[in-house]
Amino acid sequence: MVIYMNEPPEVQFAKTLADETRQEIMRLCCCRWMSVGEITEQIGVAQPTISHHLAILRQMGLVKVRQEGRQTYYTLNQERMVACCGRLMLTFAPEEPATQDLAEHLSPEP
């Protein structure tokens, strides 16, 4: 998948989440740091495939990256997830009570 930068961020985010392998990577990397090898072992998909999906997640800012020697570790960027989900809510469900609560929290205080 190629992220098309001329598309709205909400669409880019939704397309990124649409892939089951990326969803699994995000579940695995939630709240912990994992290497490409560990992710590959857990998912059972070839390392180049995992690296491809991690590159997309990285491009979208959905994973944080830490280098330790020759090893690269990834973890889910939860702050970015919250921001992207909030943006989806504001765009596609603006009248929902949960979205209105979110909008109130995002509004600058008087």
PDB file of N, CA and C in Angstrom:
ATOM      1  N   MET A   1       0.839  -1.179   0.000  1.00  0.00           N
ATOM      2  CA  MET A   1       0.000   0.000   0.000  1.00  0.00           C
ATOM      3  C   MET A   1       0.878   1.233   0.000  1.00  0.00           C
ATOM      4  N   VAL A   2       0.493   2.184  -0.782  1.00  0.00           N
ATOM      5  CA  VAL A   2       1.184   3.465  -0.827  1.00  0.00           C
ATOM      6  C   VAL A   2       0.280   4.486  -0.168  1.00  0.00           C
ATOM      7  N   ILE A   3       0.859   5.274   0.707  1.00  0.00           N
ATOM      8  CA  ILE A   3       0.089   6.340   1.336  1.00  0.00           C
ATOM      9  C   ILE A   3       0.059   7.511   0.354  1.00  0.00           C
ATOM     10  N   TYR A   4      -1.119   7.920  -0.030  1.00  0.00           N
ATOM     11  CA  TYR A   4      -1.253   9.037  -0.957  1.00  0.00           C
ATOM     12  C   TYR A   4      -1.378  10.326  -0.158  1.00  0.00           C
ATOM     13  N   MET A   5      -0.347  11.143  -0.247  1.00  0.00           N
ATOM     14  CA  MET A   5      -0.297  12.349   0.568  1.00  0.00           C
ATOM     15  C   MET A   5      -1.309  13.405   0.147  1.00  0.00           C
ATOM     16  N   ASN A   6      -1.907  13.261  -1.043  1.00  0.00           N
ATOM     17  CA  ASN A   6      -2.914  14.242  -1.451  1.00  0.00           C
ATOM     18  C   ASN A   6      -4.292  13.889  -0.903  1.00  0.00           C
ATOM     19  N   GLU A   7      -4.408  12.763  -0.222  1.00  0.00           N
ATOM     20  CA  GLU A   7      -5.667  12.382   0.406  1.00  0.00           C
ATOM     21  C   GLU A   7      -5.749  12.992   1.800  1.00  0.00           C
ATOM     22  N   PRO A   8      -6.952  13.240   2.281  1.00  0.00           N
ATOM     23  CA  PRO A   8      -7.099  13.769   3.640  1.00  0.00           C
ATOM     24  C   PRO A   8      -6.484  12.812   4.660  1.00  0.00           C
ATOM     25  N   PRO A   9      -5.981  13.342   5.768  1.00  0.00           N
ATOM     26  CA  PRO A   9      -5.372  12.488   6.798  1.00  0.00           C
ATOM     27  C   PRO A   9      -6.303  11.387   7.297  1.00  0.00           C
ATOM     28  N   GLU A  10      -7.599  11.678   7.364  1.00  0.00           N
ATOM     29  CA  GLU A  10      -8.552  10.680   7.838  1.00  0.00           C
ATOM     30  C   GLU A  10      -8.577   9.463   6.908  1.00  0.00           C
ATOM     31  N   VAL A  11      -8.507   9.718   5.603  1.00  0.00           N
ATOM     32  CA  VAL A  11      -8.523   8.638   4.620  1.00  0.00           C
ATOM     33  C   VAL A  11      -7.209   7.854   4.692  1.00  0.00           C
ATOM     34  N   GLN A  12      -6.096   8.551   4.821  1.00  0.00           N
ATOM     35  CA  GLN A  12      -4.800   7.884   4.956  1.00  0.00           C
ATOM     36  C   GLN A  12      -4.801   6.965   6.173  1.00  0.00           C
ATOM     37  N   PHE A  13      -5.309   7.462   7.287  1.00  0.00           N
ATOM     38  CA  PHE A  13      -5.372   6.685   8.521  1.00  0.00           C
ATOM     39  C   PHE A  13      -6.250   5.450   8.340  1.00  0.00           C
ATOM     40  N   ALA A  14      -7.433   5.635   7.745  1.00  0.00           N
ATOM     41  CA  ALA A  14      -8.346   4.514   7.543  1.00  0.00           C
ATOM     42  C   ALA A  14      -7.723   3.454   6.635  1.00  0.00           C
ATOM     43  N   LYS A  15      -7.053   3.867   5.581  1.00  0.00           N
ATOM     44  CA  LYS A  15      -6.404   2.910   4.681  1.00  0.00           C
ATOM     45  C   LYS A  15      -5.281   2.162   5.393  1.00  0.00           C
ATOM     46  N   THR A  16      -4.574   2.861   6.251  1.00  0.00           N
ATOM     47  CA  THR A  16      -3.503   2.212   7.003  1.00  0.00           C
ATOM     48  C   THR A  16      -4.074   1.146   7.929  1.00  0.00           C
ATOM     49  N   LEU A  17      -5.174   1.439   8.564  1.00  0.00           N
ATOM     50  CA  LEU A  17      -5.796   0.486   9.492  1.00  0.00           C
ATOM     51  C   LEU A  17      -6.510  -0.659   8.789  1.00  0.00           C
ATOM     52  N   ALA A  18      -6.787  -0.518   7.513  1.00  0.00           N
ATOM     53  CA  ALA A  18      -7.570  -1.520   6.790  1.00  0.00           C
ATOM     54  C   ALA A  18      -6.841  -2.852   6.623  1.00  0.00           C
ATOM     55  N   ASP A  19      -5.525  -2.852   6.722  1.00  0.00           N
ATOM     56  CA  ASP A  19      -4.756  -4.070   6.494  1.00  0.00           C
ATOM     57  C   ASP A  19      -4.659  -4.905   7.765  1.00  0.00           C
ATOM     58  N   GLU A  20      -4.995  -6.195   7.661  1.00  0.00           N
ATOM     59  CA  GLU A  20      -5.000  -7.078   8.831  1.00  0.00           C
ATOM     60  C   GLU A  20      -3.609  -7.292   9.420  1.00  0.00           C
ATOM     61  N   THR A  21      -2.590  -7.338   8.582  1.00  0.00           N
ATOM     62  CA  THR A  21      -1.221  -7.510   9.098  1.00  0.00           C
ATOM     63  C   THR A  21      -0.820  -6.301   9.916  1.00  0.00           C
ATOM     64  N   ARG A  22      -1.146  -5.106   9.437  1.00  0.00           N
ATOM     65  CA  ARG A  22      -0.821  -3.899  10.206  1.00  0.00           C
ATOM     66  C   ARG A  22      -1.604  -3.865  11.513  1.00  0.00           C
ATOM     67  N   GLN A  23      -2.839  -4.309  11.486  1.00  0.00           N
ATOM     68  CA  GLN A  23      -3.627  -4.376  12.719  1.00  0.00           C
ATOM     69  C   GLN A  23      -2.958  -5.293  13.734  1.00  0.00           C
ATOM     70  N   GLU A  24      -2.479  -6.431  13.272  1.00  0.00           N
ATOM     71  CA  GLU A  24      -1.825  -7.386  14.165  1.00  0.00           C
ATOM     72  C   GLU A  24      -0.526  -6.803  14.714  1.00  0.00           C
ATOM     73  N   ILE A  25       0.240  -6.131  13.873  1.00  0.00           N
ATOM     74  CA  ILE A  25       1.479  -5.482  14.323  1.00  0.00           C
ATOM     75  C   ILE A  25       1.157  -4.449  15.402  1.00  0.00           C
ATOM     76  N   MET A  26       0.108  -3.670  15.186  1.00  0.00           N
ATOM     77  CA  MET A  26      -0.268  -2.643  16.151  1.00  0.00           C
ATOM     78  C   MET A  26      -0.702  -3.265  17.475  1.00  0.00           C
ATOM     79  N   ARG A  27      -1.440  -4.377  17.413  1.00  0.00           N
ATOM     80  CA  ARG A  27      -1.845  -5.074  18.653  1.00  0.00           C
ATOM     81  C   ARG A  27      -0.618  -5.573  19.412  1.00  0.00           C
ATOM     82  N   LEU A  28       0.315  -6.169  18.679  1.00  0.00           N
ATOM     83  CA  LEU A  28       1.518  -6.697  19.319  1.00  0.00           C
ATOM     84  C   LEU A  28       2.374  -5.602  19.947  1.00  0.00           C
ATOM     85  N   CYS A  29       2.476  -4.466  19.276  1.00  0.00           N
ATOM     86  CA  CYS A  29       3.362  -3.382  19.719  1.00  0.00           C
ATOM     87  C   CYS A  29       2.700  -2.426  20.701  1.00  0.00           C
ATOM     88  N   CYS A  30       1.470  -2.707  21.053  1.00  0.00           N
ATOM     89  CA  CYS A  30       0.784  -1.834  21.999  1.00  0.00           C
ATOM     90  C   CYS A  30       1.385  -2.041  23.395  1.00  0.00           C
ATOM     91  N   CYS A  31       1.907  -0.985  23.954  1.00  0.00           N
ATOM     92  CA  CYS A  31       2.414  -0.978  25.334  1.00  0.00           C
ATOM     93  C   CYS A  31       3.720  -1.735  25.535  1.00  0.00           C
ATOM     94  N   ARG A  32       4.420  -2.081  24.469  1.00  0.00           N
ATOM     95  CA  ARG A  32       5.730  -2.719  24.622  1.00  0.00           C
ATOM     96  C   ARG A  32       6.552  -2.506  23.354  1.00  0.00           C
ATOM     97  N   TRP A  33       7.859  -2.586  23.524  1.00  0.00           N
ATOM     98  CA  TRP A  33       8.804  -2.457  22.418  1.00  0.00           C
ATOM     99  C   TRP A  33       9.114  -3.838  21.867  1.00  0.00           C
ATOM    100  N   MET A  34       9.061  -3.976  20.528  1.00  0.00           N
ATOM    101  CA  MET A  34       9.346  -5.259  19.890  1.00  0.00           C
ATOM    102  C   MET A  34      10.265  -5.043  18.690  1.00  0.00           C
ATOM    103  N   SER A  35      11.152  -6.006  18.475  1.00  0.00           N
ATOM    104  CA  SER A  35      12.024  -5.950  17.302  1.00  0.00           C
ATOM    105  C   SER A  35      11.288  -6.538  16.105  1.00  0.00           C
ATOM    106  N   VAL A  36      11.821  -6.281  14.913  1.00  0.00           N
ATOM    107  CA  VAL A  36      11.242  -6.849  13.696  1.00  0.00           C
ATOM    108  C   VAL A  36      11.220  -8.378  13.796  1.00  0.00           C
ATOM    109  N   GLY A  37      12.310  -8.950  14.314  1.00  0.00           N
ATOM    110  CA  GLY A  37      12.379 -10.402  14.458  1.00  0.00           C
ATOM    111  C   GLY A  37      11.304 -10.948  15.377  1.00  0.00           C
ATOM    112  N   GLU A  38      11.064 -10.265  16.490  1.00  0.00           N
ATOM    113  CA  GLU A  38      10.025 -10.701  17.428  1.00  0.00           C
ATOM    114  C   GLU A  38       8.641 -10.613  16.794  1.00  0.00           C
ATOM    115  N   ILE A  39       8.409  -9.524  16.058  1.00  0.00           N
ATOM    116  CA  ILE A  39       7.105  -9.352  15.386  1.00  0.00           C
ATOM    117  C   ILE A  39       6.924 -10.442  14.337  1.00  0.00           C
ATOM    118  N   THR A  40       7.971 -10.682  13.555  1.00  0.00           N
ATOM    119  CA  THR A  40       7.924 -11.717  12.515  1.00  0.00           C
ATOM    120  C   THR A  40       7.604 -13.075  13.121  1.00  0.00           C
ATOM    121  N   GLU A  41       8.261 -13.395  14.216  1.00  0.00           N
ATOM    122  CA  GLU A  41       8.048 -14.680  14.889  1.00  0.00           C
ATOM    123  C   GLU A  41       6.610 -14.818  15.385  1.00  0.00           C
ATOM    124  N   GLN A  42       6.085 -13.748  15.965  1.00  0.00           N
ATOM    125  CA  GLN A  42       4.728 -13.779  16.519  1.00  0.00           C
ATOM    126  C   GLN A  42       3.655 -13.895  15.428  1.00  0.00           C
ATOM    127  N   ILE A  43       3.845 -13.179  14.336  1.00  0.00           N
ATOM    128  CA  ILE A  43       2.823 -13.142  13.287  1.00  0.00           C
ATOM    129  C   ILE A  43       2.981 -14.291  12.298  1.00  0.00           C
ATOM    130  N   GLY A  44       4.221 -14.723  12.078  1.00  0.00           N
ATOM    131  CA  GLY A  44       4.445 -15.819  11.143  1.00  0.00           C
ATOM    132  C   GLY A  44       4.421 -15.401   9.689  1.00  0.00           C
ATOM    133  N   VAL A  45       4.794 -14.155   9.432  1.00  0.00           N
ATOM    134  CA  VAL A  45       4.865 -13.618   8.073  1.00  0.00           C
ATOM    135  C   VAL A  45       6.336 -13.311   7.800  1.00  0.00           C
ATOM    136  N   ALA A  46       6.741 -13.343   6.547  1.00  0.00           N
ATOM    137  CA  ALA A  46       8.138 -13.112   6.184  1.00  0.00           C
ATOM    138  C   ALA A  46       8.627 -11.742   6.655  1.00  0.00           C
ATOM    139  N   GLN A  47       9.890 -11.671   7.041  1.00  0.00           N
ATOM    140  CA  GLN A  47      10.486 -10.430   7.565  1.00  0.00           C
ATOM    141  C   GLN A  47      10.350  -9.259   6.590  1.00  0.00           C
ATOM    142  N   PRO A  48      10.584  -9.425   5.278  1.00  0.00           N
ATOM    143  CA  PRO A  48      10.409  -8.278   4.377  1.00  0.00           C
ATOM    144  C   PRO A  48       8.977  -7.725   4.376  1.00  0.00           C
ATOM    145  N   THR A  49       8.009  -8.613   4.554  1.00  0.00           N
ATOM    146  CA  THR A  49       6.607  -8.187   4.616  1.00  0.00           C
ATOM    147  C   THR A  49       6.367  -7.357   5.877  1.00  0.00           C
ATOM    148  N   ILE A  50       6.881  -7.824   7.002  1.00  0.00           N
ATOM    149  CA  ILE A  50       6.745  -7.076   8.261  1.00  0.00           C
ATOM    150  C   ILE A  50       7.417  -5.716   8.136  1.00  0.00           C
ATOM    151  N   SER A  51       8.614  -5.684   7.566  1.00  0.00           N
ATOM    152  CA  SER A  51       9.338  -4.419   7.394  1.00  0.00           C
ATOM    153  C   SER A  51       8.554  -3.446   6.516  1.00  0.00           C
ATOM    154  N   HIS A  52       7.923  -3.968   5.470  1.00  0.00           N
ATOM    155  CA  HIS A  52       7.099  -3.132   4.586  1.00  0.00           C
ATOM    156  C   HIS A  52       5.953  -2.492   5.374  1.00  0.00           C
ATOM    157  N   HIS A  53       5.257  -3.295   6.166  1.00  0.00           N
ATOM    158  CA  HIS A  53       4.125  -2.774   6.945  1.00  0.00           C
ATOM    159  C   HIS A  53       4.593  -1.809   8.027  1.00  0.00           C
ATOM    160  N   LEU A  54       5.732  -2.093   8.646  1.00  0.00           N
ATOM    161  CA  LEU A  54       6.269  -1.173   9.645  1.00  0.00           C
ATOM    162  C   LEU A  54       6.638   0.165   9.010  1.00  0.00           C
ATOM    163  N   ALA A  55       7.126   0.140   7.790  1.00  0.00           N
ATOM    164  CA  ALA A  55       7.467   1.390   7.089  1.00  0.00           C
ATOM    165  C   ALA A  55       6.221   2.246   6.879  1.00  0.00           C
ATOM    166  N   ILE A  56       5.114   1.612   6.541  1.00  0.00           N
ATOM    167  CA  ILE A  56       3.857   2.352   6.366  1.00  0.00           C
ATOM    168  C   ILE A  56       3.389   2.921   7.700  1.00  0.00           C
ATOM    169  N   LEU A  57       3.428   2.101   8.748  1.00  0.00           N
ATOM    170  CA  LEU A  57       3.026   2.577  10.076  1.00  0.00           C
ATOM    171  C   LEU A  57       3.927   3.720  10.537  1.00  0.00           C
ATOM    172  N   ARG A  58       5.193   3.604  10.233  1.00  0.00           N
ATOM    173  CA  ARG A  58       6.157   4.649  10.595  1.00  0.00           C
ATOM    174  C   ARG A  58       5.869   5.937   9.825  1.00  0.00           C
ATOM    175  N   GLN A  59       5.585   5.806   8.528  1.00  0.00           N
ATOM    176  CA  GLN A  59       5.274   6.975   7.692  1.00  0.00           C
ATOM    177  C   GLN A  59       4.048   7.717   8.226  1.00  0.00           C
ATOM    178  N   MET A  60       3.092   6.975   8.743  1.00  0.00           N
ATOM    179  CA  MET A  60       1.881   7.585   9.287  1.00  0.00           C
ATOM    180  C   MET A  60       2.062   8.054  10.730  1.00  0.00           C
ATOM    181  N   GLY A  61       3.209   7.778  11.323  1.00  0.00           N
ATOM    182  CA  GLY A  61       3.467   8.182  12.696  1.00  0.00           C
ATOM    183  C   GLY A  61       2.773   7.304  13.728  1.00  0.00           C
ATOM    184  N   LEU A  62       2.359   6.111  13.320  1.00  0.00           N
ATOM    185  CA  LEU A  62       1.612   5.232  14.224  1.00  0.00           C
ATOM    186  C   LEU A  62       2.487   4.323  15.065  1.00  0.00           C
ATOM    187  N   VAL A  63       3.779   4.290  14.786  1.00  0.00           N
ATOM    188  CA  VAL A  63       4.713   3.566  15.644  1.00  0.00           C
ATOM    189  C   VAL A  63       5.873   4.491  15.984  1.00  0.00           C
ATOM    190  N   LYS A  64       6.411   4.281  17.166  1.00  0.00           N
ATOM    191  CA  LYS A  64       7.633   4.953  17.589  1.00  0.00           C
ATOM    192  C   LYS A  64       8.778   3.979  17.347  1.00  0.00           C
ATOM    193  N   VAL A  65       9.956   4.518  17.067  1.00  0.00           N
ATOM    194  CA  VAL A  65      11.108   3.686  16.722  1.00  0.00           C
ATOM    195  C   VAL A  65      12.254   3.993  17.668  1.00  0.00           C
ATOM    196  N   ARG A  66      12.932   2.925  18.109  1.00  0.00           N
ATOM    197  CA  ARG A  66      14.106   3.070  18.969  1.00  0.00           C
ATOM    198  C   ARG A  66      15.201   2.158  18.425  1.00  0.00           C
ATOM    199  N   GLN A  67      16.374   2.724  18.254  1.00  0.00           N
ATOM    200  CA  GLN A  67      17.528   1.968  17.760  1.00  0.00           C
ATOM    201  C   GLN A  67      18.391   1.561  18.943  1.00  0.00           C
ATOM    202  N   GLU A  68      18.759   0.287  18.992  1.00  0.00           N
ATOM    203  CA  GLU A  68      19.685  -0.225  20.004  1.00  0.00           C
ATOM    204  C   GLU A  68      20.726  -1.062  19.283  1.00  0.00           C
ATOM    205  N   GLY A  69      21.883  -0.487  19.053  1.00  0.00           N
ATOM    206  CA  GLY A  69      22.905  -1.185  18.280  1.00  0.00           C
ATOM    207  C   GLY A  69      22.395  -1.450  16.884  1.00  0.00           C
ATOM    208  N   ARG A  70      22.429  -2.709  16.480  1.00  0.00           N
ATOM    209  CA  ARG A  70      21.952  -3.079  15.145  1.00  0.00           C
ATOM    210  C   ARG A  70      20.469  -3.428  15.129  1.00  0.00           C
ATOM    211  N   GLN A  71      19.862  -3.415  16.284  1.00  0.00           N
ATOM    212  CA  GLN A  71      18.466  -3.820  16.430  1.00  0.00           C
ATOM    213  C   GLN A  71      17.561  -2.585  16.444  1.00  0.00           C
ATOM    214  N   THR A  72      16.426  -2.655  15.755  1.00  0.00           N
ATOM    215  CA  THR A  72      15.424  -1.594  15.761  1.00  0.00           C
ATOM    216  C   THR A  72      14.186  -2.120  16.465  1.00  0.00           C
ATOM    217  N   TYR A  73      13.666  -1.322  17.385  1.00  0.00           N
ATOM    218  CA  TYR A  73      12.486  -1.708  18.151  1.00  0.00           C
ATOM    219  C   TYR A  73      11.339  -0.747  17.851  1.00  0.00           C
ATOM    220  N   TYR A  74      10.119  -1.272  17.897  1.00  0.00           N
ATOM    221  CA  TYR A  74       8.920  -0.500  17.586  1.00  0.00           C
ATOM    222  C   TYR A  74       7.908  -0.638  18.708  1.00  0.00           C
ATOM    223  N   THR A  75       7.158   0.437  18.928  1.00  0.00           N
ATOM    224  CA  THR A  75       6.025   0.401  19.843  1.00  0.00           C
ATOM    225  C   THR A  75       4.923   1.265  19.245  1.00  0.00           C
ATOM    226  N   LEU A  76       3.686   0.976  19.591  1.00  0.00           N
ATOM    227  CA  LEU A  76       2.555   1.738  19.085  1.00  0.00           C
ATOM    228  C   LEU A  76       2.601   3.157  19.644  1.00  0.00           C
ATOM    229  N   ASN A  77       2.403   4.134  18.790  1.00  0.00           N
ATOM    230  CA  ASN A  77       2.345   5.531  19.207  1.00  0.00           C
ATOM    231  C   ASN A  77       0.890   5.817  19.597  1.00  0.00           C
ATOM    232  N   GLN A  78       0.590   5.602  20.862  1.00  0.00           N
ATOM    233  CA  GLN A  78      -0.788   5.723  21.333  1.00  0.00           C
ATOM    234  C   GLN A  78      -1.326   7.143  21.229  1.00  0.00           C
ATOM    235  N   GLU A  79      -0.465   8.126  21.415  1.00  0.00           N
ATOM    236  CA  GLU A  79      -0.913   9.518  21.300  1.00  0.00           C
ATOM    237  C   GLU A  79      -1.398   9.802  19.883  1.00  0.00           C
ATOM    238  N   ARG A  80      -0.668   9.305  18.905  1.00  0.00           N
ATOM    239  CA  ARG A  80      -1.052   9.501  17.501  1.00  0.00           C
ATOM    240  C   ARG A  80      -2.344   8.752  17.195  1.00  0.00           C
ATOM    241  N   MET A  81      -2.500   7.549  17.762  1.00  0.00           N
ATOM    242  CA  MET A  81      -3.734   6.788  17.566  1.00  0.00           C
ATOM    243  C   MET A  81      -4.941   7.573  18.072  1.00  0.00           C
ATOM    244  N   VAL A  82      -4.807   8.147  19.256  1.00  0.00           N
ATOM    245  CA  VAL A  82      -5.906   8.920  19.840  1.00  0.00           C
ATOM    246  C   VAL A  82      -6.231  10.124  18.953  1.00  0.00           C
ATOM    247  N   ALA A  83      -5.198  10.815  18.498  1.00  0.00           N
ATOM    248  CA  ALA A  83      -5.410  11.987  17.651  1.00  0.00           C
ATOM    249  C   ALA A  83      -6.099  11.612  16.342  1.00  0.00           C
ATOM    250  N   CYS A  84      -5.652  10.531  15.723  1.00  0.00           N
ATOM    251  CA  CYS A  84      -6.243  10.099  14.449  1.00  0.00           C
ATOM    252  C   CYS A  84      -7.683   9.637  14.630  1.00  0.00           C
ATOM    253  N   CYS A  85      -7.940   8.879  15.682  1.00  0.00           N
ATOM    254  CA  CYS A  85      -9.302   8.418  15.934  1.00  0.00           C
ATOM    255  C   CYS A  85     -10.220   9.597  16.233  1.00  0.00           C
ATOM    256  N   GLY A  86      -9.715  10.554  16.988  1.00  0.00           N
ATOM    257  CA  GLY A  86     -10.495  11.751  17.283  1.00  0.00           C
ATOM    258  C   GLY A  86     -10.824  12.530  16.025  1.00  0.00           C
ATOM    259  N   ARG A  87      -9.864  12.614  15.137  1.00  0.00           N
ATOM    260  CA  ARG A  87     -10.084  13.317  13.869  1.00  0.00           C
ATOM    261  C   ARG A  87     -11.145  12.595  13.032  1.00  0.00           C
ATOM    262  N   LEU A  88     -11.106  11.268  13.035  1.00  0.00           N
ATOM    263  CA  LEU A  88     -12.144  10.491  12.331  1.00  0.00           C
ATOM    264  C   LEU A  88     -13.520  10.795  12.917  1.00  0.00           C
ATOM    265  N   MET A  89     -13.585  10.815  14.234  1.00  0.00           N
ATOM    266  CA  MET A  89     -14.859  11.088  14.889  1.00  0.00           C
ATOM    267  C   MET A  89     -15.375  12.476  14.522  1.00  0.00           C
ATOM    268  N   LEU A  90     -14.511  13.458  14.577  1.00  0.00           N
ATOM    269  CA  LEU A  90     -14.925  14.830  14.265  1.00  0.00           C
ATOM    270  C   LEU A  90     -15.366  14.976  12.813  1.00  0.00           C
ATOM    271  N   THR A  91     -14.747  14.215  11.924  1.00  0.00           N
ATOM    272  CA  THR A  91     -15.063  14.309  10.501  1.00  0.00           C
ATOM    273  C   THR A  91     -16.315  13.531  10.123  1.00  0.00           C
ATOM    274  N   PHE A  92     -16.427  12.291  10.625  1.00  0.00           N
ATOM    275  CA  PHE A  92     -17.477  11.404  10.146  1.00  0.00           C
ATOM    276  C   PHE A  92     -18.636  11.173  11.112  1.00  0.00           C
ATOM    277  N   ALA A  93     -18.506  11.606  12.351  1.00  0.00           N
ATOM    278  CA  ALA A  93     -19.599  11.431  13.313  1.00  0.00           C
ATOM    279  C   ALA A  93     -19.691  12.655  14.231  1.00  0.00           C
ATOM    280  N   PRO A  94     -19.795  13.845  13.631  1.00  0.00           N
ATOM    281  CA  PRO A  94     -19.747  15.065  14.445  1.00  0.00           C
ATOM    282  C   PRO A  94     -20.913  15.238  15.408  1.00  0.00           C
ATOM    283  N   GLU A  95     -22.043  14.594  15.136  1.00  0.00           N
ATOM    284  CA  GLU A  95     -23.217  14.789  15.991  1.00  0.00           C
ATOM    285  C   GLU A  95     -23.335  13.762  17.106  1.00  0.00           C
ATOM    286  N   GLU A  96     -22.455  12.780  17.129  1.00  0.00           N
ATOM    287  CA  GLU A  96     -22.501  11.762  18.183  1.00  0.00           C
ATOM    288  C   GLU A  96     -22.100  12.387  19.526  1.00  0.00           C
ATOM    289  N   PRO A  97     -22.758  11.976  20.606  1.00  0.00           N
ATOM    290  CA  PRO A  97     -22.412  12.524  21.929  1.00  0.00           C
ATOM    291  C   PRO A  97     -20.924  12.359  22.291  1.00  0.00           C
ATOM    292  N   ALA A  98     -20.350  11.209  21.971  1.00  0.00           N
ATOM    293  CA  ALA A  98     -18.934  10.987  22.289  1.00  0.00           C
ATOM    294  C   ALA A  98     -18.053  11.980  21.523  1.00  0.00           C
ATOM    295  N   THR A  99     -18.423  12.284  20.289  1.00  0.00           N
ATOM    296  CA  THR A  99     -17.659  13.242  19.492  1.00  0.00           C
ATOM    297  C   THR A  99     -17.804  14.644  20.063  1.00  0.00           C
ATOM    298  N   GLN A 100     -18.991  14.976  20.492  1.00  0.00           N
ATOM    299  CA  GLN A 100     -19.204  16.300  21.081  1.00  0.00           C
ATOM    300  C   GLN A 100     -18.405  16.450  22.373  1.00  0.00           C
ATOM    301  N   ASP A 101     -18.332  15.378  23.168  1.00  0.00           N
ATOM    302  CA  ASP A 101     -17.497  15.400  24.378  1.00  0.00           C
ATOM    303  C   ASP A 101     -16.038  15.625  24.005  1.00  0.00           C
ATOM    304  N   LEU A 102     -15.593  14.944  22.971  1.00  0.00           N
ATOM    305  CA  LEU A 102     -14.222  15.098  22.504  1.00  0.00           C
ATOM    306  C   LEU A 102     -13.966  16.539  22.051  1.00  0.00           C
ATOM    307  N   ALA A 103     -14.886  17.094  21.294  1.00  0.00           N
ATOM    308  CA  ALA A 103     -14.737  18.455  20.789  1.00  0.00           C
ATOM    309  C   ALA A 103     -14.645  19.448  21.941  1.00  0.00           C
ATOM    310  N   GLU A 104     -15.408  19.217  22.999  1.00  0.00           N
ATOM    311  CA  GLU A 104     -15.348  20.111  24.170  1.00  0.00           C
ATOM    312  C   GLU A 104     -13.963  20.073  24.812  1.00  0.00           C
ATOM    313  N   HIS A 105     -13.365  18.895  24.855  1.00  0.00           N
ATOM    314  CA  HIS A 105     -12.026  18.754  25.448  1.00  0.00           C
ATOM    315  C   HIS A 105     -10.959  19.391  24.563  1.00  0.00           C
ATOM    316  N   LEU A 106     -11.206  19.436  23.258  1.00  0.00           N
ATOM    317  CA  LEU A 106     -10.238  20.003  22.326  1.00  0.00           C
ATOM    318  C   LEU A 106     -10.360  21.513  22.206  1.00  0.00           C
ATOM    319  N   SER A 107     -11.507  22.057  22.597  1.00  0.00           N
ATOM    320  CA  SER A 107     -11.726  23.504  22.469  1.00  0.00           C
ATOM    321  C   SER A 107     -10.854  24.251  23.462  1.00  0.00           C
ATOM    322  N   PRO A 108     -10.315  25.387  23.019  1.00  0.00           N
ATOM    323  CA  PRO A 108      -9.545  26.202  23.962  1.00  0.00           C
ATOM    324  C   PRO A 108     -10.454  26.759  25.045  1.00  0.00           C
ATOM    325  N   GLU A 109      -9.928  26.819  26.243  1.00  0.00           N
ATOM    326  CA  GLU A 109     -10.730  27.344  27.351  1.00  0.00           C
ATOM    327  C   GLU A 109     -10.769  28.867  27.277  1.00  0.00           C
ATOM    328  N   PRO A 110     -11.912  29.448  27.677  1.00  0.00           N
ATOM    329  CA  PRO A 110     -12.071  30.925  27.610  1.00  0.00           C
ATOM    330  C   PRO A 110     -11.162  31.643  28.572  1.00  0.00           C
TER     331      PRO A 110
END
